[in-house]
């Protein structure tokens, strides 16, 4: 409840176009730190990893759709959102299969490093989306 309240207040005050890149960057920086801690196998830290990845992932996905909703008018959104929905579903499937394949090459805790990289890419993508959609045609 605290996380939802804080996220809602931040997005209301600053807008998702500013909160989402910041959250994605914080998540990206935190993943290597959590990876270091997870290598020690502390049950408390493993619980923190689980809670943080769940909360940050949920807010990042929600924020992404909020940014899209703010950046596009209803007509453009109608044309674009179906494609984005298909792409996110495909990306989720590829990500799941990719994680499964990576587990054959590395330890499960090392996936936190890949998740950090994906979060960083998300931050950059949202900044670029906001910049691109703010430019006049």
N, C-alpha and C. Protein backbone atom coordinates (compact mmCIF):
# COMPACT_ATOMS: atom_id res chain seq x y z
N UNK A 1 0.82 -1.19 0.00
CA UNK A 1 0.00 0.00 0.00
C UNK A 1 0.86 1.26 0.00
N UNK A 2 1.99 1.20 0.73
CA UNK A 2 2.88 2.36 0.77
C UNK A 2 3.45 2.65 -0.62
N UNK A 3 3.86 1.60 -1.32
CA UNK A 3 4.45 1.78 -2.65
C UNK A 3 3.44 2.35 -3.63
N UNK A 4 2.22 1.86 -3.60
CA UNK A 4 1.18 2.36 -4.50
C UNK A 4 0.89 3.82 -4.19
N UNK A 5 0.80 4.15 -2.92
CA UNK A 5 0.54 5.54 -2.53
C UNK A 5 1.67 6.46 -3.00
N UNK A 6 2.90 6.06 -2.77
CA UNK A 6 4.04 6.88 -3.17
C UNK A 6 4.09 7.03 -4.69
N UNK A 7 3.88 5.94 -5.42
CA UNK A 7 3.90 5.99 -6.88
C UNK A 7 2.79 6.90 -7.41
N UNK A 8 1.60 6.77 -6.85
CA UNK A 8 0.48 7.60 -7.28
C UNK A 8 0.75 9.07 -7.03
N UNK A 9 1.28 9.40 -5.87
CA UNK A 9 1.60 10.80 -5.56
C UNK A 9 2.66 11.36 -6.50
N UNK A 10 3.68 10.56 -6.76
CA UNK A 10 4.75 11.02 -7.65
C UNK A 10 4.24 11.25 -9.07
N UNK A 11 3.46 10.30 -9.58
CA UNK A 11 2.96 10.47 -10.95
C UNK A 11 1.95 11.60 -11.05
N UNK A 12 1.20 11.83 -9.99
CA UNK A 12 0.26 12.95 -9.99
C UNK A 12 1.01 14.28 -9.99
N UNK A 13 2.06 14.35 -9.20
CA UNK A 13 2.81 15.60 -9.08
C UNK A 13 3.71 15.88 -10.29
N UNK A 14 4.43 14.86 -10.74
CA UNK A 14 5.43 15.07 -11.79
C UNK A 14 5.04 14.52 -13.16
N UNK A 15 4.05 13.65 -13.21
CA UNK A 15 3.63 13.03 -14.46
C UNK A 15 4.43 11.76 -14.72
N UNK A 16 3.80 10.79 -15.37
CA UNK A 16 4.48 9.53 -15.64
C UNK A 16 5.68 9.67 -16.58
N UNK A 17 5.68 10.69 -17.44
CA UNK A 17 6.80 10.87 -18.36
C UNK A 17 8.09 11.22 -17.65
N UNK A 18 8.01 11.72 -16.41
CA UNK A 18 9.22 11.98 -15.63
C UNK A 18 9.47 10.89 -14.59
N UNK A 19 8.40 10.36 -14.02
CA UNK A 19 8.54 9.35 -12.97
C UNK A 19 9.03 8.01 -13.54
N UNK A 20 8.50 7.63 -14.69
CA UNK A 20 8.85 6.33 -15.26
C UNK A 20 10.34 6.19 -15.59
N UNK A 21 10.96 7.15 -16.28
CA UNK A 21 12.40 7.01 -16.51
C UNK A 21 13.21 6.98 -15.21
N UNK A 22 12.79 7.78 -14.23
CA UNK A 22 13.50 7.78 -12.95
C UNK A 22 13.35 6.43 -12.25
N UNK A 23 12.14 5.89 -12.22
CA UNK A 23 11.92 4.59 -11.60
C UNK A 23 12.70 3.50 -12.33
N UNK A 24 12.68 3.54 -13.65
CA UNK A 24 13.42 2.55 -14.43
C UNK A 24 14.92 2.64 -14.16
N UNK A 25 15.43 3.87 -14.04
CA UNK A 25 16.86 4.05 -13.75
C UNK A 25 17.20 3.54 -12.35
N UNK A 26 16.34 3.83 -11.37
CA UNK A 26 16.57 3.33 -10.01
C UNK A 26 16.54 1.80 -10.00
N UNK A 27 15.58 1.23 -10.71
CA UNK A 27 15.51 -0.24 -10.79
C UNK A 27 16.75 -0.79 -11.47
N UNK A 28 17.22 -0.12 -12.53
CA UNK A 28 18.42 -0.58 -13.24
C UNK A 28 19.64 -0.56 -12.33
N UNK A 29 19.79 0.49 -11.55
CA UNK A 29 20.94 0.60 -10.65
C UNK A 29 20.82 -0.39 -9.49
N UNK A 30 19.60 -0.64 -9.04
CA UNK A 30 19.42 -1.52 -7.88
C UNK A 30 19.66 -3.00 -8.23
N UNK A 31 19.44 -3.39 -9.47
CA UNK A 31 19.57 -4.81 -9.82
C UNK A 31 20.99 -5.36 -9.60
N UNK A 32 22.04 -4.67 -10.03
CA UNK A 32 23.38 -5.20 -9.73
C UNK A 32 23.66 -5.26 -8.22
N UNK A 33 23.13 -4.29 -7.48
CA UNK A 33 23.32 -4.31 -6.02
C UNK A 33 22.59 -5.50 -5.41
N UNK A 34 21.38 -5.76 -5.88
CA UNK A 34 20.64 -6.93 -5.39
C UNK A 34 21.32 -8.22 -5.82
N UNK A 35 21.91 -8.22 -7.00
CA UNK A 35 22.63 -9.40 -7.48
C UNK A 35 23.78 -9.74 -6.54
N UNK A 36 24.54 -8.71 -6.15
CA UNK A 36 25.66 -8.94 -5.22
C UNK A 36 25.14 -9.53 -3.93
N UNK A 37 24.06 -8.96 -3.41
CA UNK A 37 23.49 -9.47 -2.17
C UNK A 37 22.89 -10.85 -2.31
N UNK A 38 22.24 -11.12 -3.44
CA UNK A 38 21.60 -12.43 -3.64
C UNK A 38 22.62 -13.55 -3.73
N UNK A 39 23.82 -13.24 -4.14
CA UNK A 39 24.86 -14.27 -4.24
C UNK A 39 25.23 -14.84 -2.87
N UNK A 40 24.93 -14.10 -1.82
CA UNK A 40 25.20 -14.58 -0.46
C UNK A 40 24.07 -15.48 0.06
N UNK A 41 22.92 -15.47 -0.60
CA UNK A 41 21.84 -16.39 -0.28
C UNK A 41 21.03 -16.04 0.95
N UNK A 42 21.07 -14.82 1.40
CA UNK A 42 20.29 -14.42 2.56
C UNK A 42 18.79 -14.52 2.25
N UNK A 43 18.03 -15.26 3.07
CA UNK A 43 16.59 -15.38 2.82
C UNK A 43 15.87 -14.03 2.84
N UNK A 44 16.32 -13.12 3.68
CA UNK A 44 15.69 -11.80 3.74
C UNK A 44 15.96 -11.05 2.44
N UNK A 45 17.19 -11.11 1.96
CA UNK A 45 17.51 -10.41 0.72
C UNK A 45 16.81 -11.02 -0.49
N UNK A 46 16.65 -12.32 -0.48
CA UNK A 46 15.91 -12.98 -1.56
C UNK A 46 14.47 -12.47 -1.56
N UNK A 47 13.88 -12.29 -0.39
CA UNK A 47 12.52 -11.74 -0.29
C UNK A 47 12.49 -10.30 -0.79
N UNK A 48 13.52 -9.51 -0.48
CA UNK A 48 13.60 -8.13 -0.95
C UNK A 48 13.68 -8.11 -2.48
N UNK A 49 14.47 -9.00 -3.06
CA UNK A 49 14.58 -9.09 -4.52
C UNK A 49 13.21 -9.37 -5.12
N UNK A 50 12.52 -10.33 -4.56
CA UNK A 50 11.20 -10.71 -5.07
C UNK A 50 10.23 -9.53 -4.98
N UNK A 51 10.16 -8.89 -3.83
CA UNK A 51 9.22 -7.77 -3.64
C UNK A 51 9.60 -6.61 -4.55
N UNK A 52 10.89 -6.25 -4.61
CA UNK A 52 11.30 -5.11 -5.41
C UNK A 52 11.07 -5.34 -6.90
N UNK A 53 11.41 -6.52 -7.41
CA UNK A 53 11.21 -6.76 -8.83
C UNK A 53 9.71 -6.79 -9.18
N UNK A 54 8.89 -7.29 -8.28
CA UNK A 54 7.45 -7.32 -8.51
C UNK A 54 6.88 -5.91 -8.52
N UNK A 55 7.22 -5.12 -7.51
CA UNK A 55 6.68 -3.75 -7.42
C UNK A 55 7.21 -2.88 -8.55
N UNK A 56 8.51 -2.88 -8.74
CA UNK A 56 9.07 -2.00 -9.79
C UNK A 56 8.58 -2.42 -11.17
N UNK A 57 8.51 -3.71 -11.44
CA UNK A 57 8.03 -4.18 -12.73
C UNK A 57 6.58 -3.79 -12.98
N UNK A 58 5.75 -3.91 -11.97
CA UNK A 58 4.34 -3.53 -12.10
C UNK A 58 4.21 -2.04 -12.38
N UNK A 59 4.95 -1.21 -11.65
CA UNK A 59 4.86 0.24 -11.84
C UNK A 59 5.47 0.66 -13.18
N UNK A 60 6.50 -0.01 -13.62
CA UNK A 60 7.12 0.33 -14.90
C UNK A 60 6.15 0.03 -16.05
N UNK A 61 5.51 -1.11 -16.02
CA UNK A 61 4.54 -1.45 -17.07
C UNK A 61 3.36 -0.48 -17.02
N UNK A 62 2.83 -0.22 -15.85
CA UNK A 62 1.72 0.72 -15.70
C UNK A 62 2.12 2.11 -16.19
N UNK A 63 3.30 2.54 -15.81
CA UNK A 63 3.79 3.86 -16.22
C UNK A 63 3.99 3.96 -17.72
N UNK A 64 4.44 2.88 -18.34
CA UNK A 64 4.62 2.86 -19.79
C UNK A 64 3.30 3.15 -20.50
N UNK A 65 2.24 2.45 -20.07
CA UNK A 65 0.93 2.67 -20.69
C UNK A 65 0.42 4.07 -20.38
N UNK A 66 0.70 4.60 -19.20
CA UNK A 66 0.28 5.97 -18.87
C UNK A 66 0.99 6.99 -19.76
N UNK A 67 2.28 6.77 -19.99
CA UNK A 67 3.03 7.67 -20.88
C UNK A 67 2.44 7.62 -22.29
N UNK A 68 2.17 6.43 -22.78
CA UNK A 68 1.56 6.31 -24.10
C UNK A 68 0.22 7.03 -24.15
N UNK A 69 -0.58 6.85 -23.10
CA UNK A 69 -1.89 7.49 -23.06
C UNK A 69 -1.81 9.01 -23.07
N UNK A 70 -0.78 9.56 -22.45
CA UNK A 70 -0.61 11.01 -22.41
C UNK A 70 0.00 11.57 -23.70
N UNK A 71 0.80 10.78 -24.38
CA UNK A 71 1.54 11.30 -25.52
C UNK A 71 0.78 11.24 -26.84
N UNK A 72 -0.28 10.46 -26.93
CA UNK A 72 -0.97 10.27 -28.20
C UNK A 72 -2.45 10.63 -28.07
N UNK A 73 -2.98 11.29 -29.10
CA UNK A 73 -4.40 11.60 -29.12
C UNK A 73 -5.18 10.31 -29.35
N UNK A 74 -6.50 10.31 -29.07
CA UNK A 74 -7.26 9.05 -29.16
C UNK A 74 -7.18 8.37 -30.53
N UNK A 75 -7.18 9.14 -31.60
CA UNK A 75 -7.13 8.52 -32.93
C UNK A 75 -5.79 7.82 -33.16
N UNK A 76 -4.70 8.51 -32.85
CA UNK A 76 -3.37 7.90 -33.01
C UNK A 76 -3.21 6.73 -32.05
N UNK A 77 -3.75 6.88 -30.85
CA UNK A 77 -3.64 5.80 -29.86
C UNK A 77 -4.35 4.55 -30.35
N UNK A 78 -5.52 4.72 -30.92
CA UNK A 78 -6.29 3.58 -31.43
C UNK A 78 -5.48 2.82 -32.48
N UNK A 79 -4.77 3.54 -33.31
CA UNK A 79 -3.97 2.90 -34.35
C UNK A 79 -2.71 2.25 -33.76
N UNK A 80 -2.16 2.85 -32.74
CA UNK A 80 -0.88 2.41 -32.20
C UNK A 80 -0.99 1.35 -31.11
N UNK A 81 -1.99 1.44 -30.24
CA UNK A 81 -2.03 0.60 -29.05
C UNK A 81 -2.20 -0.88 -29.35
N UNK A 82 -2.91 -1.22 -30.42
CA UNK A 82 -3.01 -2.63 -30.79
C UNK A 82 -1.64 -3.21 -31.13
N UNK A 83 -0.88 -2.44 -31.89
CA UNK A 83 0.48 -2.87 -32.26
C UNK A 83 1.37 -2.96 -31.02
N UNK A 84 1.25 -1.98 -30.13
CA UNK A 84 2.05 -2.00 -28.90
C UNK A 84 1.67 -3.20 -28.04
N UNK A 85 0.37 -3.49 -27.96
CA UNK A 85 -0.08 -4.66 -27.19
C UNK A 85 0.49 -5.96 -27.73
N UNK A 86 0.47 -6.11 -29.04
CA UNK A 86 1.04 -7.31 -29.67
C UNK A 86 2.55 -7.37 -29.40
N UNK A 87 3.21 -6.22 -29.53
CA UNK A 87 4.67 -6.18 -29.31
C UNK A 87 5.02 -6.51 -27.86
N UNK A 88 4.24 -6.00 -26.91
CA UNK A 88 4.55 -6.30 -25.51
C UNK A 88 4.29 -7.77 -25.18
N UNK A 89 3.24 -8.33 -25.78
CA UNK A 89 2.99 -9.76 -25.58
C UNK A 89 4.13 -10.59 -26.17
N UNK A 90 4.53 -10.24 -27.39
CA UNK A 90 5.65 -10.94 -28.03
C UNK A 90 6.94 -10.76 -27.25
N UNK A 91 7.16 -9.54 -26.77
CA UNK A 91 8.36 -9.28 -25.96
C UNK A 91 8.35 -10.07 -24.66
N UNK A 92 7.18 -10.19 -24.05
CA UNK A 92 7.08 -10.99 -22.82
C UNK A 92 7.39 -12.46 -23.08
N UNK A 93 6.87 -12.97 -24.18
CA UNK A 93 7.17 -14.37 -24.54
C UNK A 93 8.64 -14.56 -24.85
N UNK A 94 9.20 -13.66 -25.66
CA UNK A 94 10.62 -13.77 -25.99
C UNK A 94 11.49 -13.61 -24.74
N UNK A 95 11.07 -12.70 -23.85
CA UNK A 95 11.82 -12.52 -22.61
C UNK A 95 11.80 -13.77 -21.74
N UNK A 96 10.64 -14.42 -21.68
CA UNK A 96 10.53 -15.66 -20.90
C UNK A 96 11.38 -16.78 -21.49
N UNK A 97 11.29 -16.93 -22.81
CA UNK A 97 12.10 -17.95 -23.47
C UNK A 97 13.59 -17.61 -23.38
N UNK A 98 13.89 -16.30 -23.51
CA UNK A 98 15.28 -15.87 -23.40
C UNK A 98 15.85 -16.12 -22.02
N UNK A 99 15.04 -15.84 -20.99
CA UNK A 99 15.49 -16.11 -19.61
C UNK A 99 15.73 -17.60 -19.42
N UNK A 100 14.82 -18.40 -19.96
CA UNK A 100 14.99 -19.85 -19.85
C UNK A 100 16.29 -20.30 -20.53
N UNK A 101 16.57 -19.74 -21.69
CA UNK A 101 17.80 -20.09 -22.40
C UNK A 101 19.04 -19.60 -21.63
N UNK A 102 18.95 -18.40 -21.07
CA UNK A 102 20.09 -17.88 -20.30
C UNK A 102 20.37 -18.71 -19.06
N UNK A 103 19.34 -19.31 -18.48
CA UNK A 103 19.55 -20.14 -17.29
C UNK A 103 20.40 -21.37 -17.58
N UNK A 104 20.49 -21.75 -18.84
CA UNK A 104 21.38 -22.86 -19.21
C UNK A 104 22.84 -22.43 -19.21
N UNK A 105 23.06 -21.10 -19.30
CA UNK A 105 24.41 -20.57 -19.40
C UNK A 105 24.91 -19.93 -18.11
N UNK A 106 23.99 -19.53 -17.23
CA UNK A 106 24.39 -18.79 -16.03
C UNK A 106 23.47 -19.11 -14.87
N UNK A 107 23.87 -18.66 -13.70
CA UNK A 107 23.05 -18.85 -12.50
C UNK A 107 21.82 -17.96 -12.56
N UNK A 108 20.77 -18.37 -11.86
CA UNK A 108 19.52 -17.62 -11.86
C UNK A 108 19.70 -16.20 -11.33
N UNK A 109 20.55 -16.03 -10.33
CA UNK A 109 20.71 -14.68 -9.76
C UNK A 109 21.35 -13.71 -10.77
N UNK A 110 22.08 -14.24 -11.75
CA UNK A 110 22.69 -13.37 -12.76
C UNK A 110 21.64 -12.74 -13.68
N UNK A 111 20.42 -13.29 -13.70
CA UNK A 111 19.36 -12.69 -14.49
C UNK A 111 19.01 -11.29 -13.97
N UNK A 112 19.35 -11.01 -12.72
CA UNK A 112 19.13 -9.66 -12.19
C UNK A 112 19.94 -8.63 -12.97
N UNK A 113 21.11 -9.03 -13.44
CA UNK A 113 21.92 -8.11 -14.24
C UNK A 113 21.25 -7.82 -15.58
N UNK A 114 20.67 -8.84 -16.20
CA UNK A 114 19.96 -8.63 -17.46
C UNK A 114 18.71 -7.79 -17.22
N UNK A 115 18.03 -8.02 -16.11
CA UNK A 115 16.86 -7.22 -15.79
C UNK A 115 17.24 -5.75 -15.58
N UNK A 116 18.37 -5.52 -14.95
CA UNK A 116 18.86 -4.15 -14.80
C UNK A 116 19.11 -3.50 -16.15
N UNK A 117 19.67 -4.24 -17.09
CA UNK A 117 19.91 -3.70 -18.44
C UNK A 117 18.60 -3.39 -19.14
N UNK A 118 17.61 -4.25 -18.99
CA UNK A 118 16.30 -4.00 -19.60
C UNK A 118 15.66 -2.76 -18.98
N UNK A 119 15.79 -2.60 -17.67
CA UNK A 119 15.24 -1.41 -17.02
C UNK A 119 15.93 -0.14 -17.53
N UNK A 120 17.22 -0.20 -17.73
CA UNK A 120 17.94 0.95 -18.26
C UNK A 120 17.46 1.27 -19.68
N UNK A 121 17.28 0.25 -20.49
CA UNK A 121 16.76 0.46 -21.85
C UNK A 121 15.36 1.06 -21.81
N UNK A 122 14.56 0.64 -20.84
CA UNK A 122 13.21 1.20 -20.70
C UNK A 122 13.27 2.69 -20.37
N UNK A 123 14.15 3.06 -19.47
CA UNK A 123 14.29 4.48 -19.11
C UNK A 123 14.67 5.29 -20.35
N UNK A 124 15.63 4.80 -21.11
CA UNK A 124 16.06 5.50 -22.32
C UNK A 124 14.95 5.55 -23.37
N UNK A 125 14.21 4.47 -23.51
CA UNK A 125 13.14 4.41 -24.50
C UNK A 125 12.03 5.41 -24.16
N UNK A 126 11.68 5.53 -22.89
CA UNK A 126 10.62 6.47 -22.51
C UNK A 126 11.08 7.91 -22.71
N UNK A 127 12.32 8.20 -22.35
CA UNK A 127 12.84 9.56 -22.59
C UNK A 127 12.79 9.87 -24.08
N UNK A 128 13.17 8.93 -24.91
CA UNK A 128 13.15 9.14 -26.36
C UNK A 128 11.71 9.26 -26.88
N UNK A 129 10.81 8.45 -26.35
CA UNK A 129 9.41 8.53 -26.75
C UNK A 129 8.82 9.90 -26.44
N UNK A 130 9.08 10.39 -25.24
CA UNK A 130 8.57 11.70 -24.85
C UNK A 130 9.19 12.79 -25.72
N UNK A 131 10.48 12.69 -25.97
CA UNK A 131 11.16 13.68 -26.81
C UNK A 131 10.62 13.64 -28.24
N UNK A 132 10.48 12.46 -28.79
CA UNK A 132 10.00 12.30 -30.17
C UNK A 132 8.57 12.78 -30.32
N UNK A 133 7.70 12.42 -29.38
CA UNK A 133 6.29 12.79 -29.52
C UNK A 133 6.05 14.26 -29.20
N UNK A 134 7.01 14.94 -28.58
CA UNK A 134 6.87 16.37 -28.28
C UNK A 134 7.28 17.23 -29.47
N UNK A 135 8.03 16.65 -30.41
CA UNK A 135 8.48 17.40 -31.58
C UNK A 135 7.30 17.65 -32.52
N UNK A 136 7.23 18.83 -33.10
CA UNK A 136 6.15 19.08 -34.06
C UNK A 136 6.36 18.25 -35.33
N UNK A 137 5.26 17.83 -35.98
CA UNK A 137 5.41 17.00 -37.19
C UNK A 137 6.05 17.74 -38.34
